[in-house]
Amino acid sequence: MHGEYKVPGGKLVVVDVETDGGVLRDVRVAGDFFLEPDEALDAVNGALEGAPAATDAAGLAARIEAALPAGTVMFGLTAEGVAIAVRRALAHATDWTDYDWQLVHEGPQSPALHMALDEVLTAEVAAGRRPPTLRVWEWGAPAVIIGSFQSLRNEVDPDGAARHGIEVVRRISGGGAMFVEPGNTITYSLSVPESLVHGLSFQDSYAYLDDWVLTALGDMGIRAWYQPLNDIATDQGKIAGAAQKRVVGPGGGPGAVLHHVTMSYDIDADKMTEVLRIGREKLSDKGTKSAKKRVDPLRRQTGLPRETVIDRMIDSFRARYGLTPGKISDEELARARDLVRTKFATEEWTARVP
């Protein structure tokens, strides 16, 4: 069995392993990481050899830490990263390069239709009728998107939203409210087979699915990192927020994961604070006293036009994993429009948590 895992902000860990009698055998750890002394690699392999195959990642990491020689130095590598690679091998996880990725980047759509397209396309991936997909959104109108479990009245000021012509929609994933305007926001979705994140905890899956965009931002001169649970940050502040939804496959079989990210290219902070009710607890949790300081736009950090930032992100993904231009099918669009009518544009859904 073969498993791979790129340590967030670090290097690739590769594990080949067999099982016999319910324990790990013939464990071989490799990768482009740095490790001193050389004997530490033998210690890592030895710590895993004979471990019960049901041991979780935390347990495997503890075995590795206990076996490392005194003074071991890991660079681009962690005991947890090795343990996750083992769990991915045992779960028969797939890798990004195992798939023919499709790019969907079409014209502006209404906020409610974007919500519906996320649900439809991810369900199609779960059913095996659509390849894994990177969808870059173009916004047809300004909006506030609230998380699946958020209280509408607690998050949105209805007078402010009405005054600025802001549509309010609820997405199928959890997380917090997002304030978006067409020229100021970059949003993308990944609809991926569940097997891509096999062996990863919920938190680890965020870091794993965000890794490519951190590289893309780095190529544009931005040192960005994943900040648990669902933010992408720089030393200037937060620049993006992510959310996920797991979709069950047909008949309860293997499903798919929706991972979508909204990035602030620019922001009208005054308008945002008039539309969103941003509580003191949320601000204190983020270590800042002003909502205007919570988000630092990409426009200021890159100096690049929005379209150029998007193009460079797409080029970075394509260079790493391959990417074929695609489109939303007529059937998918029809299903999404029906979901807008029956779900995403209804008061029953938007105010389901009042």
Protein backbone atom coordinates (compact mmCIF):
# COMPACT_ATOMS: atom_id res chain seq x y z
CA MET A 1 0.00 0.00 0.00
CA HIS A 2 1.23 3.44 -0.94
CA GLY A 3 0.39 6.74 0.74
CA GLU A 4 1.54 10.32 0.20
CA TYR A 5 1.07 13.47 2.24
CA LYS A 6 2.55 16.93 1.82
CA VAL A 7 3.18 18.45 5.22
CA PRO A 8 1.56 21.93 5.26
CA GLY A 9 4.37 24.40 4.71
CA GLY A 10 6.77 21.48 4.43
CA LYS A 11 7.78 18.59 2.21
CA LEU A 12 6.28 15.46 0.69
CA VAL A 13 6.20 12.29 2.79
CA VAL A 14 5.80 8.96 1.00
CA VAL A 15 5.03 5.69 2.79
CA ASP A 16 4.94 2.18 1.40
CA VAL A 17 3.61 -0.40 3.84
CA GLU A 18 2.06 -3.85 4.05
CA THR A 19 -0.09 -5.44 6.74
CA ASP A 20 0.15 -8.94 8.14
CA GLY A 21 -1.89 -10.29 11.02
CA GLY A 22 -3.36 -6.87 11.73
CA VAL A 23 0.00 -5.11 12.14
CA LEU A 24 2.22 -2.95 9.91
CA ARG A 25 5.02 -4.71 8.05
CA ASP A 26 7.78 -3.69 5.61
CA VAL A 27 7.35 0.01 6.38
CA ARG A 28 9.40 2.29 4.13
CA VAL A 29 9.28 6.06 4.64
CA ALA A 30 10.74 8.36 1.99
CA GLY A 31 10.36 11.90 0.67
CA ASP A 32 12.09 15.17 -0.17
CA PHE A 33 12.33 16.24 3.47
CA PHE A 34 15.52 16.83 5.50
CA LEU A 35 16.33 14.63 8.48
CA GLU A 36 19.38 14.42 10.73
CA PRO A 37 20.99 12.11 11.71
CA ASP A 38 20.63 9.50 8.97
CA GLU A 39 19.84 6.86 11.60
CA ALA A 40 16.62 8.74 12.42
CA LEU A 41 14.98 7.35 9.28
CA ASP A 42 15.65 3.79 10.46
CA ALA A 43 14.16 4.78 13.82
CA VAL A 44 11.01 6.06 12.12
CA ASN A 45 10.61 2.85 10.12
CA GLY A 46 11.31 0.76 13.20
CA ALA A 47 8.76 2.64 15.28
CA LEU A 48 6.05 1.85 12.75
CA GLU A 49 7.05 -1.76 12.12
CA GLY A 50 4.69 -4.04 14.05
CA ALA A 51 2.29 -1.27 15.08
CA PRO A 52 -1.37 -2.33 15.10
CA ALA A 53 -2.88 -1.35 11.75
CA ALA A 54 -5.86 0.22 13.54
CA THR A 55 -3.65 2.75 15.37
CA ASP A 56 -4.80 6.29 14.63
CA ALA A 57 -2.49 9.07 13.41
CA ALA A 58 -1.93 10.45 16.90
CA GLY A 59 -0.89 7.04 18.18
CA LEU A 60 1.49 6.45 15.28
CA ALA A 61 3.02 9.90 15.73
CA ALA A 62 3.60 9.17 19.41
CA ARG A 63 5.45 5.95 18.54
CA ILE A 64 7.67 7.86 16.11
CA GLU A 65 8.44 10.67 18.59
CA ALA A 66 9.39 8.13 21.27
CA ALA A 67 11.80 6.31 18.93
CA LEU A 68 13.71 9.29 17.52
CA PRO A 69 17.36 9.58 18.57
CA ALA A 70 18.26 12.47 20.87
CA GLY A 71 19.03 15.61 18.89
CA THR A 72 17.02 14.58 15.81
CA VAL A 73 16.31 17.52 13.51
CA MET A 74 13.33 17.40 11.13
CA PHE A 75 12.98 20.03 8.42
CA GLY A 76 9.89 19.90 6.24
CA LEU A 77 8.84 16.79 8.13
CA THR A 78 6.85 16.01 11.27
CA ALA A 79 6.01 12.79 13.07
CA GLU A 80 2.34 13.61 12.51
CA GLY A 81 2.98 14.02 8.76
CA VAL A 82 4.49 10.53 8.58
CA ALA A 83 1.58 9.12 10.56
CA ILE A 84 -0.95 10.74 8.22
CA ALA A 85 0.86 9.30 5.20
CA VAL A 86 0.58 5.84 6.81
CA ARG A 87 -3.14 6.28 7.45
CA ARG A 88 -3.63 7.41 3.84
CA ALA A 89 -1.80 4.33 2.59
CA LEU A 90 -3.97 2.05 4.69
CA ALA A 91 -7.12 3.84 3.51
CA HIS A 92 -6.07 3.49 -0.15
CA ALA A 93 -6.24 7.25 -0.55
CA THR A 94 -5.81 8.72 -4.00
CA ASP A 95 -3.52 11.58 -4.99
CA TRP A 96 -4.15 14.81 -6.92
CA THR A 97 -2.26 13.46 -9.94
CA ASP A 98 -4.48 10.37 -10.14
CA TYR A 99 -7.25 12.46 -11.74
CA ASP A 100 -7.99 14.40 -14.91
CA TRP A 101 -9.00 17.74 -13.41
CA GLN A 102 -11.55 19.94 -15.13
CA LEU A 103 -11.68 23.73 -14.96
CA VAL A 104 -15.04 25.52 -14.98
CA HIS A 105 -14.72 29.31 -15.28
CA GLU A 106 -17.82 30.83 -16.81
CA GLY A 107 -19.58 34.19 -16.82
CA PRO A 108 -21.20 35.90 -13.84
CA GLN A 109 -23.94 33.98 -12.04
CA SER A 110 -26.39 35.05 -9.34
CA PRO A 111 -25.38 34.29 -5.72
CA ALA A 112 -28.21 31.76 -5.30
CA LEU A 113 -27.21 29.94 -8.49
CA HIS A 114 -23.62 29.67 -7.25
CA MET A 115 -24.91 27.97 -4.09
CA ALA A 116 -26.90 25.52 -6.19
CA LEU A 117 -24.04 24.81 -8.60
CA ASP A 118 -21.78 23.83 -5.72
CA GLU A 119 -24.34 21.25 -4.58
CA VAL A 120 -25.04 19.89 -8.05
CA LEU A 121 -21.44 19.62 -9.27
CA THR A 122 -20.24 17.98 -6.07
CA ALA A 123 -23.08 15.46 -6.25
CA GLU A 124 -22.06 14.71 -9.84
CA VAL A 125 -18.48 14.05 -8.73
CA ALA A 126 -19.79 11.76 -5.98
CA ALA A 127 -21.83 9.86 -8.55
CA GLY A 128 -18.84 9.49 -10.87
CA ARG A 129 -20.51 11.42 -13.68
CA ARG A 130 -18.14 14.41 -13.45
CA PRO A 131 -14.35 14.50 -13.03
CA PRO A 132 -12.86 16.35 -10.07
CA THR A 133 -13.49 20.01 -10.75
CA LEU A 134 -11.96 23.38 -9.98
CA ARG A 135 -14.69 26.00 -10.46
CA VAL A 136 -13.76 29.66 -10.41
CA TRP A 137 -16.76 31.86 -9.69
CA GLU A 138 -17.73 35.17 -11.27
CA TRP A 139 -20.26 37.07 -9.19
CA GLY A 140 -23.32 38.58 -10.86
CA ALA A 141 -24.30 40.66 -7.82
CA PRO A 142 -23.02 41.60 -4.35
CA ALA A 143 -24.03 39.25 -1.59
CA VAL A 144 -23.65 38.02 1.94
CA ILE A 145 -23.25 34.25 2.13
CA ILE A 146 -23.98 32.81 5.55
CA GLY A 147 -22.92 29.39 6.77
CA SER A 148 -25.34 26.50 6.90
CA PHE A 149 -25.77 26.75 10.68
CA GLN A 150 -25.58 30.48 11.26
CA SER A 151 -28.44 32.59 12.61
CA LEU A 152 -29.66 34.97 9.93
CA ARG A 153 -30.61 37.74 12.36
CA ASN A 154 -27.35 37.43 14.28
CA GLU A 155 -25.16 37.73 11.19
CA VAL A 156 -26.89 40.20 8.88
CA ASP A 157 -28.23 43.71 9.41
CA PRO A 158 -31.33 43.69 7.15
CA ASP A 159 -31.46 47.50 6.90
CA GLY A 160 -27.83 47.68 5.83
CA ALA A 161 -28.28 44.88 3.31
CA ALA A 162 -31.36 46.54 1.81
CA ARG A 163 -29.70 49.95 1.68
CA HIS A 164 -26.75 48.60 -0.29
CA GLY A 165 -28.71 46.15 -2.45
CA ILE A 166 -27.01 43.11 -0.93
CA GLU A 167 -28.61 39.71 -1.50
CA VAL A 168 -28.39 37.24 1.38
CA VAL A 169 -28.00 33.53 0.62
CA ARG A 170 -27.22 30.47 2.72
CA ARG A 171 -24.70 27.87 1.57
CA ILE A 172 -24.68 24.13 2.30
CA SER A 173 -21.34 24.23 4.15
CA GLY A 174 -20.67 25.47 7.66
CA GLY A 175 -18.44 28.34 8.70
CA GLY A 176 -18.93 32.07 8.91
CA ALA A 177 -20.53 34.83 6.88
CA MET A 178 -18.76 36.19 3.81
CA PHE A 179 -19.27 39.65 2.30
CA VAL A 180 -18.67 39.67 -1.45
CA GLU A 181 -18.75 42.20 -4.26
CA PRO A 182 -18.16 41.20 -7.91
CA GLY A 183 -14.95 43.17 -8.52
CA ASN A 184 -13.56 42.73 -5.03
CA THR A 185 -13.84 38.99 -4.47
CA ILE A 186 -12.16 35.84 -5.77
CA THR A 187 -14.04 32.63 -5.05
CA TYR A 188 -13.34 29.07 -6.15
CA SER A 189 -14.69 25.60 -5.40
CA LEU A 190 -13.03 22.21 -5.45
CA SER A 191 -15.39 19.27 -5.93
CA VAL A 192 -13.25 16.21 -5.25
CA PRO A 193 -13.72 12.48 -4.65
CA GLU A 194 -13.77 11.57 -0.96
CA SER A 195 -10.83 9.23 -1.58
CA LEU A 196 -8.56 12.25 -2.08
CA VAL A 197 -8.83 13.07 1.64
CA HIS A 198 -8.94 9.50 3.00
CA GLY A 199 -6.80 9.18 6.09
CA LEU A 200 -6.99 12.89 6.89
CA SER A 201 -8.78 14.42 9.83
CA PHE A 202 -11.35 17.09 9.08
CA GLN A 203 -8.83 19.80 10.00
CA ASP A 204 -6.02 18.21 8.00
CA SER A 205 -8.23 18.05 4.93
CA TYR A 206 -8.53 21.86 4.97
CA ALA A 207 -4.76 22.28 5.00
CA TYR A 208 -4.34 19.61 2.32
CA LEU A 209 -6.89 21.12 -0.08
CA ASP A 210 -5.56 24.65 0.49
CA ASP A 211 -1.91 23.79 -0.16
CA TRP A 212 -1.92 24.46 -3.91
CA VAL A 213 -3.24 28.00 -3.52
CA LEU A 214 -0.58 28.80 -0.92
CA THR A 215 2.01 27.94 -3.57
CA ALA A 216 0.18 30.09 -6.12
CA LEU A 217 0.15 33.03 -3.71
CA GLY A 218 3.83 32.48 -2.94
CA ASP A 219 4.63 32.75 -6.64
CA MET A 220 2.95 36.18 -6.54
CA GLY A 221 5.15 37.29 -3.65
CA ILE A 222 2.70 36.58 -0.81
CA ARG A 223 3.88 34.42 2.08
CA ALA A 224 0.61 32.81 3.10
CA TRP A 225 -0.23 29.95 5.40
CA TYR A 226 -3.14 27.83 6.49
CA GLN A 227 -4.51 29.03 9.84
CA PRO A 228 -6.77 26.47 11.56
CA LEU A 229 -9.53 25.79 11.17
CA ASN A 230 -10.46 27.45 7.91
CA ASP A 231 -8.50 30.63 7.21
CA ILE A 232 -5.66 31.55 4.86
CA ALA A 233 -3.55 34.27 6.43
CA THR A 234 -0.46 36.40 5.90
CA ASP A 235 1.54 38.57 8.29
CA GLN A 236 -0.70 41.43 7.09
CA GLY A 237 -3.93 39.68 8.09
CA LYS A 238 -6.51 37.18 6.87
CA ILE A 239 -7.00 37.05 3.10
CA ALA A 240 -9.38 34.11 2.68
CA GLY A 241 -11.80 31.77 4.40
CA ALA A 242 -12.66 28.19 3.45
CA ALA A 243 -15.61 25.91 4.11
CA GLN A 244 -16.41 22.27 3.38
CA LYS A 245 -19.33 19.93 2.89
CA ARG A 246 -19.21 16.14 2.56
CA VAL A 247 -21.66 14.66 0.06
CA VAL A 248 -22.64 10.97 0.26
CA GLY A 249 -22.45 8.94 -2.93
CA PRO A 250 -25.34 7.04 -4.52
CA GLY A 251 -26.70 4.31 -2.27
CA GLY A 252 -24.55 5.54 0.60
CA GLY A 253 -21.35 4.68 -1.25
CA PRO A 254 -18.12 6.71 -1.53
CA GLY A 255 -18.93 10.36 -1.85
CA ALA A 256 -17.29 13.68 -2.59
CA VAL A 257 -16.04 16.74 -0.76
CA LEU A 258 -16.93 20.33 -1.57
CA HIS A 259 -14.17 22.71 -0.53
CA HIS A 260 -14.76 26.34 -1.40
CA VAL A 261 -12.69 29.43 -0.66
CA THR A 262 -13.54 33.13 -0.77
CA MET A 263 -10.58 35.51 -1.05
CA SER A 264 -10.66 39.28 -0.58
CA TYR A 265 -9.07 40.95 -3.58
CA ASP A 266 -10.33 44.31 -2.36
CA ILE A 267 -12.94 45.29 0.20
CA ASP A 268 -15.25 48.14 1.11
CA ALA A 269 -14.79 47.77 4.86
CA ASP A 270 -17.29 50.48 5.76
CA LYS A 271 -20.02 48.82 3.73
CA MET A 272 -19.13 45.40 5.14
CA THR A 273 -19.56 46.60 8.72
CA GLU A 274 -22.93 48.13 7.84
CA VAL A 275 -24.18 44.84 6.40
CA LEU A 276 -22.61 42.26 8.72
CA ARG A 277 -23.16 42.11 12.46
CA ILE A 278 -19.61 41.32 13.52
CA GLY A 279 -19.64 40.55 17.22
CA ARG A 280 -17.04 41.45 19.79
CA GLU A 281 -16.31 37.79 20.58
CA LYS A 282 -15.40 37.08 16.96
CA LEU A 283 -13.11 40.11 16.82
CA SER A 284 -11.37 39.24 20.10
CA ASP A 285 -10.90 35.67 18.91
CA LYS A 286 -9.06 37.00 15.86
CA GLY A 287 -6.86 39.23 17.98
CA THR A 288 -8.03 42.56 16.58
CA LYS A 289 -10.29 45.38 17.71
CA SER A 290 -11.56 46.47 14.32
CA ALA A 291 -13.46 44.50 11.69
CA LYS A 292 -11.69 46.60 9.06
CA LYS A 293 -8.34 45.15 10.15
CA ARG A 294 -9.42 41.50 9.99
CA VAL A 295 -9.05 41.20 6.23
CA ASP A 296 -6.09 42.39 4.18
CA PRO A 297 -6.92 42.47 0.44
CA LEU A 298 -4.91 40.78 -2.27
CA ARG A 299 -4.98 43.92 -4.39
CA ARG A 300 -2.74 45.74 -1.93
CA GLN A 301 -0.46 42.77 -1.34
CA THR A 302 0.07 41.81 -5.00
CA GLY A 303 -0.42 45.06 -6.92
CA LEU A 304 -1.93 42.89 -9.66
CA PRO A 305 -5.31 43.17 -11.43
CA ARG A 306 -7.93 40.72 -10.15
CA GLU A 307 -8.01 38.87 -13.47
CA THR A 308 -4.24 38.39 -13.35
CA VAL A 309 -4.41 36.95 -9.84
CA ILE A 310 -7.06 34.46 -11.00
CA ASP A 311 -5.06 33.52 -14.12
CA ARG A 312 -1.94 32.90 -12.07
CA MET A 313 -3.85 30.75 -9.61
CA ILE A 314 -5.25 28.65 -12.45
CA ASP A 315 -1.82 28.39 -14.09
CA SER A 316 -0.31 27.20 -10.80
CA PHE A 317 -2.95 24.49 -10.38
CA ARG A 318 -2.49 23.38 -13.99
CA ALA A 319 1.28 23.16 -13.63
CA ARG A 320 0.97 20.94 -10.55
CA TYR A 321 -1.91 18.65 -11.42
CA GLY A 322 -3.06 19.29 -14.98
CA LEU A 323 -6.31 21.04 -15.85
CA THR A 324 -8.63 20.65 -18.84
CA PRO A 325 -11.10 23.41 -19.77
CA GLY A 326 -14.69 22.32 -19.22
CA LYS A 327 -18.15 23.71 -18.69
CA ILE A 328 -21.37 23.23 -16.80
CA SER A 329 -23.61 20.89 -18.77
CA ASP A 330 -27.14 21.85 -19.74
CA GLU A 331 -28.47 19.16 -17.41
CA GLU A 332 -26.36 20.38 -14.48
CA LEU A 333 -27.47 23.96 -15.08
CA ALA A 334 -31.14 22.93 -15.24
CA ARG A 335 -30.83 21.04 -11.96
CA ALA A 336 -29.10 24.00 -10.33
CA ARG A 337 -31.80 26.41 -11.48
CA ASP A 338 -34.43 24.10 -10.08
CA LEU A 339 -32.58 24.07 -6.74
CA VAL A 340 -32.56 27.86 -6.75
CA ARG A 341 -36.34 27.84 -7.15
CA THR A 342 -37.03 25.14 -4.58
CA LYS A 343 -34.27 25.79 -2.05
CA PHE A 344 -31.64 28.51 -2.27
CA ALA A 345 -33.92 31.44 -3.15
CA THR A 346 -36.59 30.49 -0.61
CA GLU A 347 -37.16 32.13 2.75
CA GLU A 348 -37.53 28.66 4.26
CA TRP A 349 -33.89 27.83 3.44
CA THR A 350 -32.31 31.24 3.97
CA ALA A 351 -33.98 31.70 7.36
CA ARG A 352 -33.89 28.06 8.42
CA VAL A 353 -31.86 29.25 11.40
CA PRO A 354 -33.69 32.54 12.02
